[in-house]
Amino acid sequence: MLTILISLSSCGLKAVYNRNTQLENGKNFKEELAAIEIKIIQERKKFINQKLKFHLEDILNYDSIEVEPKYILEVTLKTNEISSYTTSVGTSGRSNISLNASYILKDIESQDIISKNTTSTNDNNNITNNRFATYISQETIEINLTKIIAENIRNLIINDFIK
């Protein structure tokens, strides 16, 4: 166990949310992530966009730290559903739901781009198992996918903050 701890510390591994964890410029991770104002660029599904915004706010500022916004995160979310299985009567039996998010993180004062990237995730919706609850099932899958997208965006932003 001691060997594992020594090897992890020697490779530069740091806990992201440790109280003493700081960026190269001496700023705290929590405060920098909390200073991100989130703007979702509306495509179609308002409900899913609102869920993504909620998940991003929760994951970037989980301690609800009150700070003045320094950055603006503009996110565009696109959803796509493709039938991947058709039953013998011609109805969709399974669909693949994918969410694609592209984002730009800018400094509010200088408008410099700090981070710009895309992330995507997908899942299958087996419609034949729940024929009468397809809308609720699809919505639940999309909500779960927004959680994954929010985590991916947070991780990508942290990587760009470290650089």
Protein backbone atom coordinates (compact mmCIF):
# COMPACT_ATOMS: atom_id res chain seq x y z
CA MET A 1 0.00 0.00 0.00
CA LEU A 2 2.80 2.37 0.87
CA THR A 3 4.47 1.60 -2.45
CA ILE A 4 1.30 2.55 -4.34
CA LEU A 5 0.99 5.86 -2.45
CA ILE A 6 4.63 6.74 -3.10
CA SER A 7 4.36 5.92 -6.80
CA LEU A 8 1.16 7.98 -7.17
CA SER A 9 2.65 11.00 -5.45
CA SER A 10 5.85 10.78 -7.48
CA CYS A 11 3.97 10.86 -10.80
CA GLY A 12 2.31 14.18 -9.95
CA LEU A 13 -1.19 12.91 -9.18
CA LYS A 14 -3.19 15.56 -7.29
CA ALA A 15 -6.70 15.42 -5.89
CA VAL A 16 -8.73 17.98 -7.84
CA TYR A 17 -11.00 19.02 -4.98
CA ASN A 18 -8.44 18.90 -2.17
CA ARG A 19 -8.65 22.08 -0.08
CA ASN A 20 -4.98 22.84 -0.71
CA THR A 21 -5.00 22.08 -4.43
CA GLN A 22 -4.02 25.13 -6.42
CA LEU A 23 -3.38 25.95 -10.03
CA GLU A 24 0.05 26.97 -11.31
CA ASN A 25 -0.87 30.63 -10.83
CA GLY A 26 -1.76 30.02 -7.15
CA LYS A 27 -5.54 30.16 -7.63
CA ASN A 28 -7.80 27.56 -6.03
CA PHE A 29 -9.57 24.99 -8.25
CA LYS A 30 -12.88 25.30 -6.42
CA GLU A 31 -12.97 29.08 -6.71
CA GLU A 32 -11.99 29.06 -10.38
CA LEU A 33 -14.64 26.47 -11.26
CA ALA A 34 -17.24 28.33 -9.16
CA ALA A 35 -16.46 31.53 -11.10
CA ILE A 36 -17.80 30.02 -14.35
CA GLU A 37 -21.10 31.47 -15.57
CA ILE A 38 -23.00 28.98 -17.72
CA LYS A 39 -24.87 29.93 -20.89
CA ILE A 40 -26.65 27.19 -22.79
CA ILE A 41 -27.28 28.02 -26.43
CA GLN A 42 -30.81 26.72 -27.02
CA GLU A 43 -31.28 24.27 -29.83
CA ARG A 44 -34.56 22.39 -29.57
CA LYS A 45 -35.26 20.53 -26.34
CA LYS A 46 -35.42 23.19 -23.64
CA PHE A 47 -35.91 20.66 -20.83
CA ILE A 48 -32.68 18.77 -21.63
CA ASN A 49 -30.76 22.05 -21.97
CA GLN A 50 -32.02 23.13 -18.54
CA LYS A 51 -30.99 19.79 -17.05
CA LEU A 52 -27.51 20.16 -18.54
CA LYS A 53 -27.21 23.65 -17.08
CA PHE A 54 -28.34 22.36 -13.67
CA HIS A 55 -25.81 19.49 -13.77
CA LEU A 56 -23.00 21.83 -14.84
CA GLU A 57 -23.80 24.29 -12.05
CA ASP A 58 -23.89 21.45 -9.55
CA ILE A 59 -20.66 19.80 -10.69
CA LEU A 60 -18.65 23.01 -11.15
CA ASN A 61 -19.73 24.60 -7.87
CA TYR A 62 -20.91 21.77 -5.64
CA ASP A 63 -20.10 23.75 -2.45
CA SER A 64 -22.20 26.74 -3.66
CA ILE A 65 -19.30 29.16 -3.26
CA GLU A 66 -20.36 32.78 -3.82
CA VAL A 67 -17.83 34.33 -6.22
CA GLU A 68 -17.92 36.98 -8.91
CA PRO A 69 -18.06 35.34 -12.39
CA LYS A 70 -14.72 35.49 -14.22
CA TYR A 71 -15.50 33.12 -17.06
CA ILE A 72 -18.43 32.38 -19.33
CA LEU A 73 -19.10 28.86 -20.56
CA GLU A 74 -21.15 28.73 -23.76
CA VAL A 75 -22.50 25.25 -24.44
CA THR A 76 -24.41 24.02 -27.48
CA LEU A 77 -26.15 20.68 -26.96
CA LYS A 78 -27.49 18.59 -29.81
CA THR A 79 -29.56 15.44 -29.37
CA ASN A 80 -29.98 12.72 -31.93
CA GLU A 81 -32.12 9.60 -31.94
CA ILE A 82 -31.63 6.85 -34.50
CA SER A 83 -33.69 3.68 -34.75
CA SER A 84 -31.26 0.79 -34.54
CA TYR A 85 -33.77 -2.06 -34.59
CA THR A 86 -37.10 -2.39 -36.37
CA THR A 87 -39.65 -4.97 -35.23
CA SER A 88 -41.47 -7.34 -37.59
CA VAL A 89 -44.47 -4.96 -37.71
CA GLY A 90 -42.28 -2.04 -38.80
CA THR A 91 -42.09 -0.11 -35.54
CA SER A 92 -38.90 0.89 -33.80
CA GLY A 93 -37.81 -1.65 -31.21
CA ARG A 94 -34.58 -0.02 -30.12
CA SER A 95 -33.13 3.41 -30.60
CA ASN A 96 -29.72 4.92 -30.05
CA ILE A 97 -29.83 8.28 -28.25
CA SER A 98 -26.76 10.46 -28.48
CA LEU A 99 -25.93 13.85 -27.00
CA ASN A 100 -23.19 16.02 -28.47
CA ALA A 101 -22.00 19.12 -26.64
CA SER A 102 -19.58 21.70 -27.90
CA TYR A 103 -18.41 24.42 -25.58
CA ILE A 104 -16.25 27.53 -25.39
CA LEU A 105 -14.93 28.85 -22.09
CA LYS A 106 -13.96 32.53 -22.27
CA ASP A 107 -12.51 35.04 -19.86
CA ILE A 108 -15.27 37.61 -19.28
CA GLU A 109 -12.96 40.65 -19.22
CA SER A 110 -10.56 39.90 -22.06
CA GLN A 111 -12.81 37.54 -24.10
CA ASP A 112 -9.79 35.24 -24.51
CA ILE A 113 -10.70 31.61 -25.18
CA ILE A 114 -9.44 29.45 -22.32
CA SER A 115 -10.94 26.15 -23.44
CA LYS A 116 -12.81 24.94 -26.50
CA ASN A 117 -13.82 21.35 -27.06
CA THR A 118 -16.58 18.88 -27.84
CA THR A 119 -17.79 15.82 -26.02
CA SER A 120 -20.42 13.23 -26.75
CA THR A 121 -22.07 10.23 -25.19
CA ASN A 122 -24.81 7.81 -26.17
CA ASP A 123 -27.06 5.07 -24.87
CA ASN A 124 -29.66 2.64 -26.19
CA ASN A 125 -33.36 2.79 -25.47
CA ASN A 126 -35.01 -0.63 -25.68
CA ILE A 127 -38.53 0.35 -26.65
CA THR A 128 -39.95 -3.19 -26.86
CA ASN A 129 -39.48 -3.69 -23.10
CA ASN A 130 -41.55 -0.63 -22.20
CA ARG A 131 -43.83 0.08 -25.14
CA PHE A 132 -46.20 2.33 -23.14
CA ALA A 133 -43.49 4.34 -21.40
CA THR A 134 -41.21 5.19 -24.29
CA TYR A 135 -41.28 8.95 -23.78
CA ILE A 136 -40.45 8.72 -20.06
CA SER A 137 -37.76 6.14 -20.75
CA GLN A 138 -36.16 8.29 -23.45
CA GLU A 139 -36.30 11.37 -21.24
CA THR A 140 -34.65 9.49 -18.35
CA ILE A 141 -31.86 8.31 -20.64
CA GLU A 142 -31.30 11.86 -21.91
CA ILE A 143 -31.16 13.22 -18.34
CA ASN A 144 -28.60 10.58 -17.38
CA LEU A 145 -26.56 11.43 -20.48
CA THR A 146 -26.54 15.13 -19.51
CA LYS A 147 -24.87 14.14 -16.22
CA ILE A 148 -22.12 12.37 -18.16
CA ILE A 149 -21.74 15.34 -20.54
CA ALA A 150 -21.45 17.72 -17.55
CA GLU A 151 -18.72 15.54 -15.99
CA ASN A 152 -16.85 15.37 -19.29
CA ILE A 153 -16.99 19.15 -19.72
CA ARG A 154 -15.74 19.68 -16.16
CA ASN A 155 -12.84 17.28 -16.72
CA LEU A 156 -11.87 18.93 -20.00
CA ILE A 157 -11.99 22.40 -18.41
CA ILE A 158 -9.82 21.25 -15.50
CA ASN A 159 -7.27 19.84 -17.93
CA ASP A 160 -7.15 23.19 -19.74
CA PHE A 161 -6.83 25.11 -16.47
CA ILE A 162 -3.82 22.97 -15.52
CA LYS A 163 -1.98 23.62 -18.82
